[in-house]
N, C-alpha and C. Protein backbone atom coordinates (compact mmCIF):
# COMPACT_ATOMS: atom_id res chain seq x y z
N UNK A 1 17.88 -1.37 -4.50
CA UNK A 1 16.75 -2.25 -4.48
C UNK A 1 17.15 -3.76 -5.38
N UNK A 2 16.43 -4.86 -4.47
CA UNK A 2 17.12 -6.16 -5.07
C UNK A 2 16.09 -6.72 -6.25
N UNK A 3 16.17 -7.24 -7.19
CA UNK A 3 15.19 -7.24 -8.04
C UNK A 3 15.19 -9.15 -8.06
N UNK A 4 16.19 -9.39 -7.37
CA UNK A 4 15.55 -11.33 -7.82
C UNK A 4 14.94 -11.64 -7.63
N UNK A 5 14.10 -12.87 -8.10
CA UNK A 5 12.81 -13.31 -7.72
C UNK A 5 12.79 -14.35 -6.74
N UNK A 6 11.79 -14.04 -5.84
CA UNK A 6 11.56 -14.75 -4.43
C UNK A 6 10.12 -14.78 -4.63
N UNK A 7 9.61 -16.18 -4.97
CA UNK A 7 8.43 -16.41 -4.92
C UNK A 7 8.00 -17.62 -3.95
N UNK A 8 7.42 -17.17 -2.95
CA UNK A 8 7.12 -18.32 -1.70
C UNK A 8 5.92 -19.21 -2.32
N UNK A 9 5.84 -20.39 -1.71
CA UNK A 9 4.84 -21.52 -2.17
C UNK A 9 3.49 -20.93 -1.15
N UNK A 10 2.45 -21.23 -1.81
CA UNK A 10 1.01 -21.09 -1.11
C UNK A 10 1.15 -21.37 0.41
N UNK A 11 1.69 -22.35 0.71
CA UNK A 11 2.19 -23.22 1.97
C UNK A 11 2.99 -21.92 2.93
N UNK A 12 3.80 -21.28 2.45
CA UNK A 12 4.70 -20.27 2.76
C UNK A 12 4.05 -18.84 3.31
N UNK A 13 3.29 -18.82 2.14
CA UNK A 13 2.46 -17.68 2.29
C UNK A 13 1.15 -17.40 3.07
N UNK A 14 0.88 -18.84 3.30
CA UNK A 14 -0.59 -18.59 4.21
C UNK A 14 -0.04 -18.34 5.90
N UNK A 15 1.27 -18.85 6.34
CA UNK A 15 1.88 -18.46 7.60
C UNK A 15 2.02 -16.62 7.87
N UNK A 16 1.96 -15.94 6.79
CA UNK A 16 1.87 -14.66 6.92
C UNK A 16 0.80 -13.97 7.33
N UNK A 17 -0.29 -14.83 7.17
CA UNK A 17 -1.76 -13.67 7.18
C UNK A 17 -1.97 -13.55 9.19
N UNK A 18 -1.15 -14.43 9.75
CA UNK A 18 -1.43 -13.99 11.20
C UNK A 18 -0.93 -12.29 11.49
N UNK A 19 0.41 -12.23 10.90
CA UNK A 19 1.37 -10.76 10.71
C UNK A 19 0.23 -9.99 10.47
N UNK A 20 -0.64 -10.32 9.24
CA UNK A 20 -1.41 -8.94 8.73
C UNK A 20 -2.40 -9.03 9.38
N UNK A 21 -3.22 -9.74 10.35
CA UNK A 21 -4.85 -9.85 11.45
C UNK A 21 -4.20 -9.01 12.47
N UNK A 22 -2.76 -9.20 12.69
CA UNK A 22 -2.33 -8.40 13.91
C UNK A 22 -1.89 -7.11 13.78
N UNK A 23 -1.99 -6.38 12.61
CA UNK A 23 -1.89 -5.13 12.64
C UNK A 23 -2.76 -4.29 13.29
N UNK A 24 -2.16 -2.86 13.48
CA UNK A 24 -2.98 -2.04 14.58
C UNK A 24 -4.35 -1.51 13.62
N UNK A 25 -5.50 -1.28 14.44
CA UNK A 25 -6.94 -1.04 13.67
C UNK A 25 -6.62 0.44 13.83
N UNK A 26 -6.44 1.29 14.61
CA UNK A 26 -6.74 2.84 14.73
C UNK A 26 -5.53 3.65 14.51
N UNK A 27 -4.19 3.08 15.29
CA UNK A 27 -2.96 3.87 14.92
C UNK A 27 -1.91 3.01 14.51
N UNK A 28 -1.51 3.68 13.35
CA UNK A 28 -0.34 2.70 12.86
C UNK A 28 0.79 3.39 12.65
N UNK A 29 2.08 2.96 11.76
CA UNK A 29 3.02 3.81 11.10
C UNK A 29 3.33 3.57 9.80
N UNK A 30 3.78 4.37 9.58
CA UNK A 30 4.25 4.52 8.00
C UNK A 30 5.94 4.14 8.14
N UNK A 31 5.66 2.95 7.65
CA UNK A 31 6.74 2.31 7.29
C UNK A 31 7.96 2.99 6.24
N UNK A 32 7.20 3.04 5.40
CA UNK A 32 8.17 3.31 3.86
C UNK A 32 7.07 4.21 2.90
N UNK A 33 7.83 5.20 2.17
CA UNK A 33 6.99 6.11 1.18
C UNK A 33 8.11 5.96 -0.36
N UNK A 34 7.27 5.47 -1.10
CA UNK A 34 7.77 5.45 -2.54
C UNK A 34 7.30 5.90 -3.46
N UNK A 35 8.10 6.91 -4.17
CA UNK A 35 7.44 7.17 -5.70
C UNK A 35 8.14 6.83 -6.97
N UNK A 36 7.23 6.67 -7.89
CA UNK A 36 7.58 6.31 -9.10
C UNK A 36 7.82 6.99 -10.15
N UNK A 37 8.87 7.88 -10.02
CA UNK A 37 9.48 8.73 -11.07
C UNK A 37 9.24 8.34 -12.76
N UNK A 38 8.95 7.58 -13.11
CA UNK A 38 8.51 6.72 -14.58
C UNK A 38 8.40 5.34 -14.28
N UNK A 39 7.96 4.70 -15.28
CA UNK A 39 8.01 3.12 -15.50
C UNK A 39 8.74 2.40 -14.93
N UNK A 40 8.83 1.44 -13.74
CA UNK A 40 9.68 0.38 -13.34
C UNK A 40 10.73 1.47 -12.77
N UNK A 41 10.66 2.69 -12.14
CA UNK A 41 11.64 3.09 -11.43
C UNK A 41 11.33 3.54 -9.86
N UNK A 42 11.84 3.20 -9.04
CA UNK A 42 11.37 3.85 -7.81
C UNK A 42 12.57 4.54 -6.97
N UNK A 43 11.68 5.37 -5.99
CA UNK A 43 12.84 6.09 -5.15
C UNK A 43 12.14 6.46 -4.14
N UNK A 44 12.85 5.70 -3.18
CA UNK A 44 12.25 5.82 -1.30
C UNK A 44 12.56 7.13 -0.84
N UNK A 45 11.47 7.64 -0.10
CA UNK A 45 11.65 9.21 0.09
C UNK A 45 11.81 9.15 1.50
N UNK A 46 12.68 10.10 2.09
CA UNK A 46 12.64 10.56 3.33
C UNK A 46 11.81 11.08 3.98
N UNK A 47 10.89 11.77 2.98
CA UNK A 47 9.55 12.81 3.42
C UNK A 47 9.09 12.59 2.46
N UNK A 48 7.44 12.43 2.41
CA UNK A 48 6.56 12.51 1.02
C UNK A 48 5.56 13.99 1.45
N UNK A 49 5.52 14.46 0.10
CA UNK A 49 4.32 15.56 0.25
C UNK A 49 3.12 15.33 -0.38
N UNK A 50 2.14 15.37 0.11
CA UNK A 50 0.81 14.89 -0.70
C UNK A 50 -0.23 16.04 -0.61
N UNK A 51 -0.88 15.78 -2.17
CA UNK A 51 -1.41 16.84 -2.64
C UNK A 51 -2.57 16.60 -3.15
N UNK A 52 -3.60 17.12 -2.97
CA UNK A 52 -5.26 17.15 -4.02
C UNK A 52 -4.74 16.99 -5.25
N UNK A 53 -3.94 17.49 -5.54
CA UNK A 53 -3.91 17.73 -7.38
C UNK A 53 -2.82 16.69 -7.77
N UNK A 54 -2.20 16.52 -7.12
CA UNK A 54 -0.81 15.45 -7.76
C UNK A 54 -0.57 14.33 -6.86
N UNK A 55 -1.44 14.01 -5.64
CA UNK A 55 -1.21 12.63 -4.88
C UNK A 55 0.10 12.95 -4.57
N UNK A 56 1.56 12.11 -4.79
CA UNK A 56 2.44 12.03 -4.02
C UNK A 56 3.24 12.80 -5.03
N UNK A 57 4.19 13.77 -4.54
CA UNK A 57 5.17 14.84 -5.34
C UNK A 57 6.40 13.71 -5.62
N UNK A 58 6.37 13.50 -6.99
CA UNK A 58 7.78 12.88 -7.31
C UNK A 58 7.06 11.98 -8.24
N UNK A 59 5.66 11.25 -7.71
CA UNK A 59 5.22 10.44 -8.55
C UNK A 59 4.93 10.58 -9.71
N UNK A 60 4.57 9.89 -10.87
CA UNK A 60 4.26 9.46 -12.28
C UNK A 60 2.77 9.69 -12.02
N UNK A 61 1.76 9.04 -10.89
CA UNK A 61 0.74 8.92 -11.21
C UNK A 61 -0.09 10.31 -12.02
N UNK A 62 0.11 11.34 -12.03
CA UNK A 62 -0.51 12.55 -12.52
C UNK A 62 0.13 12.69 -13.81
N UNK A 63 0.67 11.41 -14.33
CA UNK A 63 1.32 11.52 -15.71
C UNK A 63 0.82 10.43 -16.65
N UNK A 64 -0.08 9.50 -16.30
CA UNK A 64 -0.06 8.48 -16.41
C UNK A 64 -1.61 9.04 -17.69
N UNK A 65 -1.78 8.51 -18.71
CA UNK A 65 -2.85 8.47 -19.50
C UNK A 65 -4.00 8.82 -19.34
N UNK A 66 -4.73 7.78 -18.60
CA UNK A 66 -5.81 7.88 -17.86
C UNK A 66 -5.90 8.52 -15.88
N UNK A 67 -6.14 9.52 -15.45
CA UNK A 67 -5.88 9.58 -14.46
C UNK A 67 -7.52 9.63 -13.67
N UNK A 68 -7.12 8.35 -12.52
CA UNK A 68 -8.39 7.63 -11.92
C UNK A 68 -8.17 8.67 -10.60
N UNK A 69 -9.16 9.56 -10.20
CA UNK A 69 -8.69 10.03 -8.90
C UNK A 69 -9.12 9.32 -7.84
N UNK A 70 -9.70 8.12 -8.00
CA UNK A 70 -9.92 7.40 -6.83
C UNK A 70 -8.93 6.31 -6.91
N UNK A 71 -7.83 6.49 -7.60
CA UNK A 71 -6.45 5.41 -7.68
C UNK A 71 -5.43 6.21 -7.50
N UNK A 72 -5.67 7.43 -7.01
CA UNK A 72 -4.38 8.30 -6.78
C UNK A 72 -3.55 7.96 -5.72
N UNK A 73 -3.57 6.97 -4.83
CA UNK A 73 -2.31 6.53 -4.24
C UNK A 73 -2.83 5.17 -3.67
N UNK A 74 -1.60 4.23 -3.33
CA UNK A 74 -1.99 2.88 -2.69
C UNK A 74 -1.22 2.78 -1.78
N UNK A 75 -1.91 2.11 -0.55
CA UNK A 75 -1.31 1.30 0.79
C UNK A 75 -1.56 0.26 0.77
N UNK A 76 -0.43 -0.21 1.34
CA UNK A 76 -0.29 -1.75 1.37
C UNK A 76 0.57 -2.41 2.63
N UNK A 77 0.03 -3.24 3.34
CA UNK A 77 0.20 -3.78 4.99
C UNK A 77 1.63 -3.65 4.80
N UNK A 78 2.16 -3.55 5.72
CA UNK A 78 3.79 -3.45 6.08
C UNK A 78 4.06 -5.22 6.24
N UNK A 79 3.20 -5.90 7.05
CA UNK A 79 3.53 -7.19 7.49
C UNK A 79 3.44 -8.08 6.02
N UNK A 80 2.42 -7.82 5.64
CA UNK A 80 2.15 -8.61 4.21
C UNK A 80 3.07 -8.53 3.34
N UNK A 81 3.77 -7.21 3.03
CA UNK A 81 4.57 -6.63 2.12
C UNK A 81 6.17 -7.22 2.35
N UNK A 82 6.51 -7.28 3.54
CA UNK A 82 7.52 -7.97 3.89
C UNK A 82 7.57 -9.40 4.26
N UNK A 83 6.51 -9.88 4.12
CA UNK A 83 6.22 -11.51 4.33
C UNK A 83 6.89 -12.17 2.83
N UNK A 84 6.09 -11.24 1.88
CA UNK A 84 5.82 -12.01 0.51
C UNK A 84 7.50 -11.59 0.08
N UNK A 85 7.90 -10.43 0.40
CA UNK A 85 9.41 -10.12 -0.03
C UNK A 85 10.51 -11.27 0.81
N UNK A 86 10.07 -12.23 1.59
CA UNK A 86 11.05 -13.02 2.41
C UNK A 86 11.89 -12.15 3.04
N UNK A 87 11.54 -11.03 3.66
CA UNK A 87 12.09 -10.37 4.79
C UNK A 87 13.46 -9.49 4.38
N UNK A 88 12.93 -9.21 2.65
CA UNK A 88 14.03 -8.32 2.04
C UNK A 88 13.53 -7.36 1.94
N UNK A 89 13.48 -6.08 2.73
CA UNK A 89 13.12 -4.88 2.71
C UNK A 89 13.25 -4.17 1.59
N UNK A 90 14.37 -4.38 0.73
CA UNK A 90 14.78 -3.79 -0.21
C UNK A 90 14.25 -3.81 -1.55
N UNK A 91 13.42 -5.07 -1.24
CA UNK A 91 12.34 -5.47 -2.41
C UNK A 91 10.66 -4.90 -2.37
N UNK A 92 10.72 -4.35 -1.12
CA UNK A 92 9.34 -3.55 -1.03
C UNK A 92 8.87 -2.65 -2.06
N UNK A 93 9.80 -1.71 -2.65
CA UNK A 93 9.40 -0.95 -3.47
C UNK A 93 8.90 -1.54 -4.64
N UNK A 94 9.46 -2.57 -5.10
CA UNK A 94 8.83 -3.56 -5.99
C UNK A 94 7.50 -3.75 -6.53
N UNK A 95 6.82 -3.86 -5.29
CA UNK A 95 5.30 -3.65 -5.28
C UNK A 95 4.30 -2.52 -6.30
N UNK A 96 5.16 -1.47 -6.06
CA UNK A 96 4.49 -0.34 -6.67
C UNK A 96 3.64 0.53 -6.34
N UNK A 97 3.18 0.45 -4.87
CA UNK A 97 2.57 0.96 -3.54
C UNK A 97 3.47 2.04 -3.66
N UNK A 98 2.72 3.11 -3.17
CA UNK A 98 3.27 4.54 -2.76
C UNK A 98 3.69 4.47 -1.12
N UNK A 99 3.10 3.97 -0.38
CA UNK A 99 2.87 4.33 1.22
C UNK A 99 2.63 2.45 1.81
N UNK A 100 3.85 2.47 2.30
CA UNK A 100 3.96 1.01 3.27
C UNK A 100 3.58 1.53 4.70
N UNK A 101 2.27 0.64 5.03
CA UNK A 101 2.07 1.27 6.47
C UNK A 101 2.01 0.11 7.54
N UNK A 102 2.27 0.11 8.62
CA UNK A 102 1.97 -0.83 9.85
C UNK A 102 0.51 -0.49 9.91
N UNK A 103 -0.76 -0.72 9.66
CA UNK A 103 -2.35 -0.73 9.80
C UNK A 103 -3.00 -1.64 8.95
N UNK A 104 -4.03 -2.06 9.83
CA UNK A 104 -5.25 -3.29 9.27
C UNK A 104 -5.92 -2.02 8.00
N UNK A 105 -5.72 -2.85 7.26
CA UNK A 105 -6.69 -2.42 5.53
C UNK A 105 -7.41 -3.17 5.20
N UNK A 106 -8.14 -3.99 6.38
CA UNK A 106 -9.07 -5.13 6.17
C UNK A 106 -10.44 -4.71 6.00
N UNK A 107 -11.27 -5.09 5.03
CA UNK A 107 -12.71 -4.67 4.86
C UNK A 107 -13.37 -4.46 6.35
N UNK A 108 -13.16 -5.23 7.42
CA UNK A 108 -13.87 -4.85 8.40
C UNK A 108 -13.13 -4.08 9.37
N UNK A 109 -12.27 -3.21 9.03
CA UNK A 109 -11.40 -2.19 9.46
C UNK A 109 -11.55 -0.76 8.83
N UNK A 110 -11.78 -0.83 7.61
CA UNK A 110 -11.67 0.70 6.70
C UNK A 110 -12.59 0.08 5.65
N UNK A 111 -13.80 1.06 5.27
CA UNK A 111 -14.74 0.96 4.29
C UNK A 111 -14.65 2.70 3.56
N UNK A 112 -15.13 2.25 2.43
CA UNK A 112 -14.92 3.33 1.56
C UNK A 112 -15.66 4.49 2.38
N UNK A 113 -14.82 5.98 2.05
CA UNK A 113 -15.28 7.04 2.99
C UNK A 113 -14.35 7.37 4.19
N UNK A 114 -14.20 5.85 4.79
CA UNK A 114 -13.15 6.23 6.05
C UNK A 114 -12.17 7.40 5.52
N UNK A 115 -11.79 8.06 6.62
CA UNK A 115 -10.48 8.78 6.65
C UNK A 115 -9.20 8.63 7.56
N UNK A 116 -8.15 8.66 6.87
CA UNK A 116 -6.95 8.42 7.38
C UNK A 116 -6.06 9.68 7.56
N UNK A 117 -5.44 9.92 8.61
CA UNK A 117 -4.19 10.80 9.21
C UNK A 117 -3.16 10.20 8.75
N UNK A 118 -2.18 10.73 7.25
CA UNK A 118 -1.29 10.07 7.11
C UNK A 118 -0.08 11.15 7.38
N UNK A 119 0.63 11.17 8.30
CA UNK A 119 1.57 12.44 8.49
C UNK A 119 0.14 13.41 8.93
N UNK A 120 0.83 14.73 8.44
CA UNK A 120 -0.05 15.90 8.41
C UNK A 120 -1.38 15.82 6.96
N UNK A 121 -1.34 15.13 6.29
CA UNK A 121 -2.21 14.97 4.94
C UNK A 121 -3.43 13.84 5.58
N UNK A 122 -4.48 14.00 5.03
CA UNK A 122 -5.76 13.56 5.32
C UNK A 122 -5.71 13.00 3.97
N UNK A 123 -6.23 11.71 4.13
CA UNK A 123 -6.95 10.74 2.58
C UNK A 123 -7.97 9.86 2.98
N UNK A 124 -8.30 9.78 2.35
CA UNK A 124 -9.97 8.75 1.99
C UNK A 124 -9.75 7.63 1.37
N UNK A 125 -10.07 6.51 2.05
CA UNK A 125 -10.38 5.26 1.66
C UNK A 125 -11.09 5.38 0.09
N UNK A 126 -11.08 4.94 -0.70
CA UNK A 126 -11.81 4.61 -2.30
C UNK A 126 -12.48 3.52 -1.88
N UNK A 127 -13.45 3.49 -3.09
CA UNK A 127 -14.19 1.96 -3.33
C UNK A 127 -13.41 1.07 -4.57
N UNK A 128 -12.57 1.89 -5.10
CA UNK A 128 -11.83 1.33 -6.08
C UNK A 128 -11.11 -0.23 -5.58
N UNK A 129 -11.66 -1.39 -6.59
CA UNK A 129 -10.41 -2.53 -5.27
C UNK A 129 -9.09 -2.61 -5.85
N UNK A 130 -8.24 -2.85 -5.45
CA UNK A 130 -6.73 -2.61 -6.07
C UNK A 130 -6.21 -4.13 -5.78
N UNK A 131 -6.50 -4.60 -7.18
CA UNK A 131 -6.28 -6.14 -7.48
C UNK A 131 -4.67 -6.51 -8.14
N UNK A 132 -3.93 -5.65 -8.21
CA UNK A 132 -2.38 -5.98 -8.85
C UNK A 132 -2.27 -6.41 -10.21
N UNK A 133 -1.32 -6.89 -10.53
CA UNK A 133 -1.05 -6.71 -12.00
C UNK A 133 -0.33 -7.66 -12.48
N UNK A 134 0.25 -8.00 -13.79
CA UNK A 134 1.22 -8.85 -13.95
C UNK A 134 2.60 -8.63 -13.32
N UNK A 135 2.60 -7.25 -13.37
CA UNK A 135 4.13 -7.11 -12.76
C UNK A 135 4.25 -7.13 -11.37
N UNK A 136 3.36 -7.51 -10.69
CA UNK A 136 3.44 -7.90 -9.22
C UNK A 136 3.54 -9.64 -9.16
N UNK A 137 2.85 -10.07 -10.11
CA UNK A 137 2.98 -11.63 -10.27
C UNK A 137 4.60 -11.73 -10.36
N UNK A 138 4.90 -11.16 -11.25
CA UNK A 138 6.41 -11.53 -11.78
C UNK A 138 7.18 -11.24 -10.93
N UNK A 139 7.12 -10.24 -9.86
CA UNK A 139 7.89 -10.13 -8.75
C UNK A 139 7.77 -10.65 -7.77
N UNK A 140 6.35 -11.44 -7.13
CA UNK A 140 5.96 -11.96 -5.90
C UNK A 140 5.34 -13.05 -6.34
N UNK A 141 5.21 -13.81 -7.72
CA UNK A 141 4.66 -15.11 -7.70
C UNK A 141 3.55 -15.00 -7.84
N UNK A 142 2.75 -16.10 -8.97
CA UNK A 142 1.46 -16.28 -8.81
C UNK A 142 0.68 -16.65 -7.96
N UNK A 143 1.10 -17.65 -6.84
CA UNK A 143 0.40 -17.82 -5.45
C UNK A 143 0.17 -16.64 -4.62
N UNK A 144 1.03 -15.65 -4.49
CA UNK A 144 1.00 -14.54 -4.17
C UNK A 144 -0.46 -13.73 -4.44
N UNK A 145 -0.54 -13.60 -5.90
CA UNK A 145 -1.69 -13.05 -6.55
C UNK A 145 -3.02 -13.69 -6.00
N UNK A 146 -2.58 -15.62 -6.06
CA UNK A 146 -3.89 -15.77 -5.87
C UNK A 146 -4.31 -16.10 -4.68
N UNK A 147 -3.60 -15.94 -3.78
CA UNK A 147 -4.15 -15.85 -2.54
C UNK A 147 -4.47 -14.25 -2.21
N UNK A 148 -4.02 -13.30 -2.66
CA UNK A 148 -4.85 -12.02 -2.59
C UNK A 148 -6.04 -11.76 -3.34
N UNK A 149 -6.80 -13.10 -4.33
CA UNK A 149 -7.95 -13.24 -4.78
C UNK A 149 -8.71 -13.58 -4.35
N UNK A 150 -8.66 -14.83 -3.24
CA UNK A 150 -9.45 -15.56 -2.55
C UNK A 150 -10.22 -14.46 -1.65
N UNK A 151 -11.41 -15.06 -0.84
CA UNK A 151 -12.37 -14.44 0.11
C UNK A 151 -11.37 -13.91 1.03
N UNK A 152 -10.44 -14.52 1.68
CA UNK A 152 -9.64 -13.59 2.95
C UNK A 152 -8.81 -12.86 2.12
N UNK A 153 -8.28 -13.32 1.11
CA UNK A 153 -6.97 -12.20 0.43
C UNK A 153 -7.45 -11.08 0.06
N UNK A 154 -8.90 -11.08 -0.33
CA UNK A 154 -9.66 -9.63 -0.33
C UNK A 154 -10.49 -9.19 1.01
N UNK A 155 -10.49 -10.10 1.90
CA UNK A 155 -11.02 -9.38 3.10
C UNK A 155 -9.97 -8.63 4.06
N UNK A 156 -8.86 -9.20 3.85
CA UNK A 156 -7.85 -8.81 4.40
C UNK A 156 -7.08 -7.29 3.57
N UNK A 157 -7.60 -7.49 2.49
CA UNK A 157 -7.08 -6.46 1.56
C UNK A 157 -5.44 -6.41 1.25
N UNK A 158 -5.18 -7.78 0.55
CA UNK A 158 -3.54 -8.27 0.55
C UNK A 158 -2.67 -7.49 -0.34
N UNK A 159 -3.81 -6.93 -1.28
CA UNK A 159 -3.24 -6.09 -2.35
C UNK A 159 -2.82 -4.71 -1.81
N UNK A 160 -3.46 -4.36 -0.97
CA UNK A 160 -3.68 -3.04 -0.59
C UNK A 160 -4.89 -2.48 -0.76
N UNK A 161 -4.96 -0.86 -0.89
CA UNK A 161 -6.01 -0.08 -0.76
C UNK A 161 -5.60 1.23 -1.85
N UNK A 162 -6.39 1.75 -2.51
CA UNK A 162 -6.72 2.83 -3.20
C UNK A 162 -7.14 3.83 -2.22
N UNK A 163 -6.45 5.10 -2.13
CA UNK A 163 -6.89 6.35 -1.09
C UNK A 163 -6.75 7.52 -2.17
N UNK A 164 -7.57 8.53 -1.73
CA UNK A 164 -7.16 9.71 -2.47
C UNK A 164 -6.90 10.94 -1.11
N UNK A 165 -5.48 12.03 -1.74
CA UNK A 165 -5.44 12.97 -1.05
C UNK A 165 -6.92 14.06 -1.14
N UNK A 166 -7.25 14.11 0.32
CA UNK A 166 -8.35 15.08 0.76
C UNK A 166 -7.80 16.19 1.28
N UNK A 167 -6.57 16.33 1.94
CA UNK A 167 -5.66 17.87 2.50
C UNK A 167 -4.57 17.48 2.43
N UNK A 168 -4.12 18.45 1.80
CA UNK A 168 -2.46 18.32 1.56
C UNK A 168 -1.59 18.28 2.57
N UNK A 169 -0.88 17.61 2.64
CA UNK A 169 0.23 17.56 3.98
C UNK A 169 1.49 16.65 3.79
N UNK A 170 2.00 16.09 4.77
CA UNK A 170 3.39 15.68 4.54
C UNK A 170 3.74 14.69 5.55
N UNK A 171 4.10 13.82 5.16
CA UNK A 171 4.33 12.23 6.13
C UNK A 171 5.88 11.87 5.66
N UNK A 172 6.66 11.36 6.89
CA UNK A 172 7.83 10.80 6.85
C UNK A 172 7.62 9.42 7.46
N UNK A 173 8.59 8.50 7.20
CA UNK A 173 8.60 7.23 7.73
C UNK A 173 8.43 7.31 9.10
N UNK A 174 7.66 6.72 9.61
CA UNK A 174 8.02 6.44 11.51
C UNK A 174 6.77 7.21 11.63
N UNK A 175 6.23 8.44 10.81
CA UNK A 175 4.92 9.07 10.92
C UNK A 175 3.77 8.00 11.31
N UNK A 176 2.64 8.80 12.28
CA UNK A 176 1.54 7.90 12.36
C UNK A 176 0.67 8.08 11.53
N UNK A 177 -0.30 6.72 10.97
CA UNK A 177 -1.41 6.37 10.48
C UNK A 177 -2.52 6.11 11.19
N UNK A 178 -3.11 7.32 11.15
CA UNK A 178 -4.29 7.18 12.13
C UNK A 178 -5.87 7.13 11.24
N UNK A 179 -6.65 6.16 12.04
CA UNK A 179 -7.91 6.34 11.52
C UNK A 179 -8.96 7.62 12.12
N UNK A 180 -9.32 8.78 11.35
CA UNK A 180 -9.95 10.13 12.13
C UNK A 180 -11.44 9.63 11.73
N UNK A 181 -12.29 10.07 12.93
CA UNK A 181 -13.60 9.87 13.51
C UNK A 181 -14.19 10.71 12.58
N UNK A 182 -15.50 10.45 11.66
CA UNK A 182 -15.94 11.52 10.87
C UNK A 182 -17.37 11.53 11.23
N UNK A 183 -17.68 10.98 12.46
CA UNK A 183 -19.18 10.86 13.00
C UNK A 183 -19.36 12.16 13.48
């Protein structure tokens, strides 16, 4: 995993919004699954097992001091992550999100309570906002954090979304992530 610092300018970041906006809204693809076995450690998985009790197996989410079930897993948009990494896929895991997806995560497409079939697992979008942290700023730059905090960035959910597992299952990169009709 490359840890070289690449910080795009505000103008460079703006050019990536078109890719985010063109993400599929119903049926997308799982691009990468990343476990965080310990702080600042990342393991790209060939397959991920998702459980109601523990989130992503091998991830340290359930070992943290305060477990918030509404912050069990994070999904981030592949187009945005690839853009802020300047096309360097080896930097994707640094974001700290467990699942990278080619799917429209915007507030116009997904609302709290919406469910997604992630491979064979079922996850539910939570209302907890995902805003990023100082590690994200260090890795991708203050301008990436600033754009994510704008009205446009929040609407597109550039920093990603939180979901919780509601049905155990597995997913691998290349699997479908699909909105589930719950009506």
